[in-house]
């Protein structure tokens, strides 16, 4: 089993920055290939924000955050980060980190392991 734990959420004014952290630990027989960030607002499905290939350089961003958010990793710490700059009120959501083995996409169906989420609130 893999364990996924997020941290770093909070409240900031519009234009501010936050950095989220995601630690992935454990092992289920297959090295996880991809770690992604998703977000969700009440009553809405989770939407993909960014994904990174573990140990590699491949990244993919949703167009709504491209140029403002950066996903990165520290393999020595088994941690993936999401640096969020120029935050907007519409970025307000519960942010989830997820790990998967299959494909580095922004489709939530490709991810088997999820954290509990960390709240990000951006005020106008």
Protein backbone atom coordinates (compact mmCIF):
# COMPACT_ATOMS: atom_id res chain seq x y z
CA UNK A 1 0.00 0.00 0.00
CA UNK A 2 1.05 3.57 -0.63
CA UNK A 3 0.35 6.38 1.77
CA UNK A 4 -0.18 9.87 0.41
CA UNK A 5 -0.08 12.87 2.72
CA UNK A 6 -0.56 16.49 1.67
CA UNK A 7 0.39 19.64 3.55
CA UNK A 8 0.79 23.35 2.97
CA UNK A 9 -2.72 24.62 2.35
CA UNK A 10 -3.95 27.90 3.78
CA UNK A 11 -5.62 31.24 3.08
CA UNK A 12 -4.03 33.96 0.99
CA UNK A 13 -5.22 37.10 -0.81
CA UNK A 14 -5.50 37.14 -4.57
CA UNK A 15 -2.08 37.44 -6.16
CA UNK A 16 -0.42 35.55 -3.33
CA UNK A 17 1.51 32.28 -3.34
CA UNK A 18 1.38 28.94 -1.58
CA UNK A 19 3.42 25.76 -1.83
CA UNK A 20 1.77 22.43 -1.31
CA UNK A 21 3.74 19.31 -0.42
CA UNK A 22 2.87 15.67 -1.05
CA UNK A 23 4.79 12.85 0.56
CA UNK A 24 4.31 9.37 -0.90
CA UNK A 25 5.51 6.45 1.20
CA UNK A 26 5.15 2.70 1.26
CA UNK A 27 5.29 0.14 -1.51
CA UNK A 28 2.69 -2.09 -3.09
CA UNK A 29 4.88 -4.19 -5.35
CA UNK A 30 5.16 -1.72 -8.21
CA UNK A 31 6.98 1.63 -8.12
CA UNK A 32 4.48 4.40 -8.61
CA UNK A 33 5.19 6.25 -11.85
CA UNK A 34 3.17 9.41 -11.54
CA UNK A 35 2.10 11.89 -8.89
CA UNK A 36 -0.58 14.44 -9.58
CA UNK A 37 -2.48 17.24 -7.93
CA UNK A 38 -6.23 17.49 -8.26
CA UNK A 39 -8.71 19.93 -6.78
CA UNK A 40 -12.39 19.89 -6.03
CA UNK A 41 -15.09 22.29 -5.01
CA UNK A 42 -18.28 21.10 -3.29
CA UNK A 43 -20.63 19.39 -5.71
CA UNK A 44 -18.05 19.28 -8.47
CA UNK A 45 -15.82 16.44 -9.71
CA UNK A 46 -12.14 16.45 -9.01
CA UNK A 47 -10.22 18.20 -11.75
CA UNK A 48 -6.61 17.59 -12.61
CA UNK A 49 -4.21 20.45 -11.97
CA UNK A 50 -0.71 19.09 -12.64
CA UNK A 51 1.11 15.78 -12.91
CA UNK A 52 4.76 14.74 -12.85
CA UNK A 53 6.56 11.54 -13.79
CA UNK A 54 8.44 10.27 -10.75
CA UNK A 55 12.19 10.42 -11.31
CA UNK A 56 11.74 12.03 -14.69
CA UNK A 57 11.16 15.43 -16.21
CA UNK A 58 7.71 15.03 -17.78
CA UNK A 59 5.06 17.39 -16.46
CA UNK A 60 1.59 18.35 -17.61
CA UNK A 61 -0.64 21.20 -16.49
CA UNK A 62 -4.27 22.10 -16.85
CA UNK A 63 -4.61 25.21 -18.98
CA UNK A 64 -6.22 27.10 -16.11
CA UNK A 65 -2.98 27.00 -14.09
CA UNK A 66 -0.35 26.86 -16.83
CA UNK A 67 2.25 29.56 -16.24
CA UNK A 68 1.18 30.11 -12.62
CA UNK A 69 1.67 26.71 -10.98
CA UNK A 70 4.82 24.58 -11.01
CA UNK A 71 5.02 20.92 -10.04
CA UNK A 72 8.40 19.57 -8.91
CA UNK A 73 9.85 16.70 -6.93
CA UNK A 74 12.54 15.83 -4.43
CA UNK A 75 13.07 12.13 -4.90
CA UNK A 76 15.35 11.88 -1.87
CA UNK A 77 12.40 12.98 0.26
CA UNK A 78 9.71 11.12 -1.73
CA UNK A 79 7.96 14.46 -1.97
CA UNK A 80 6.23 16.30 -4.78
CA UNK A 81 5.55 20.01 -4.55
CA UNK A 82 3.04 22.33 -6.15
CA UNK A 83 4.19 25.92 -6.17
CA UNK A 84 1.18 28.14 -6.77
CA UNK A 85 1.79 31.76 -7.73
CA UNK A 86 -0.54 34.56 -8.81
CA UNK A 87 -3.39 32.82 -7.06
CA UNK A 88 -6.95 33.74 -8.01
CA UNK A 89 -10.20 33.34 -6.07
CA UNK A 90 -11.22 30.64 -8.55
CA UNK A 91 -8.24 28.56 -7.37
CA UNK A 92 -10.04 28.10 -4.06
CA UNK A 93 -10.63 24.38 -3.56
CA UNK A 94 -9.68 21.29 -1.62
CA UNK A 95 -6.43 20.11 -3.20
CA UNK A 96 -5.63 16.41 -3.35
CA UNK A 97 -2.43 14.60 -4.16
CA UNK A 98 -2.62 11.23 -5.90
CA UNK A 99 -0.16 8.53 -6.92
CA UNK A 100 -0.56 6.05 -9.72
CA UNK A 101 1.24 3.38 -11.70
CA UNK A 102 -0.33 3.56 -15.12
CA UNK A 103 -0.18 6.88 -16.91
CA UNK A 104 0.82 10.44 -16.14
CA UNK A 105 -2.39 12.18 -17.06
CA UNK A 106 -4.85 14.56 -15.47
CA UNK A 107 -7.55 11.89 -15.48
CA UNK A 108 -8.41 10.93 -11.91
CA UNK A 109 -9.30 7.39 -13.01
CA UNK A 110 -5.61 6.57 -13.51
CA UNK A 111 -4.74 7.17 -9.86
CA UNK A 112 -5.27 4.61 -7.13
CA UNK A 113 -3.86 6.27 -4.06
CA UNK A 114 -5.17 9.53 -2.68
CA UNK A 115 -4.43 11.82 0.22
CA UNK A 116 -7.05 13.42 2.44
CA UNK A 117 -6.74 16.85 0.86
CA UNK A 118 -5.58 20.26 1.98
CA UNK A 119 -7.71 23.39 1.72
CA UNK A 120 -6.60 26.38 -0.31
CA UNK A 121 -8.64 29.56 0.03
CA UNK A 122 -7.92 32.67 -2.04
CA UNK A 123 -9.74 35.83 -1.10
CA UNK A 124 -10.51 38.65 -3.52
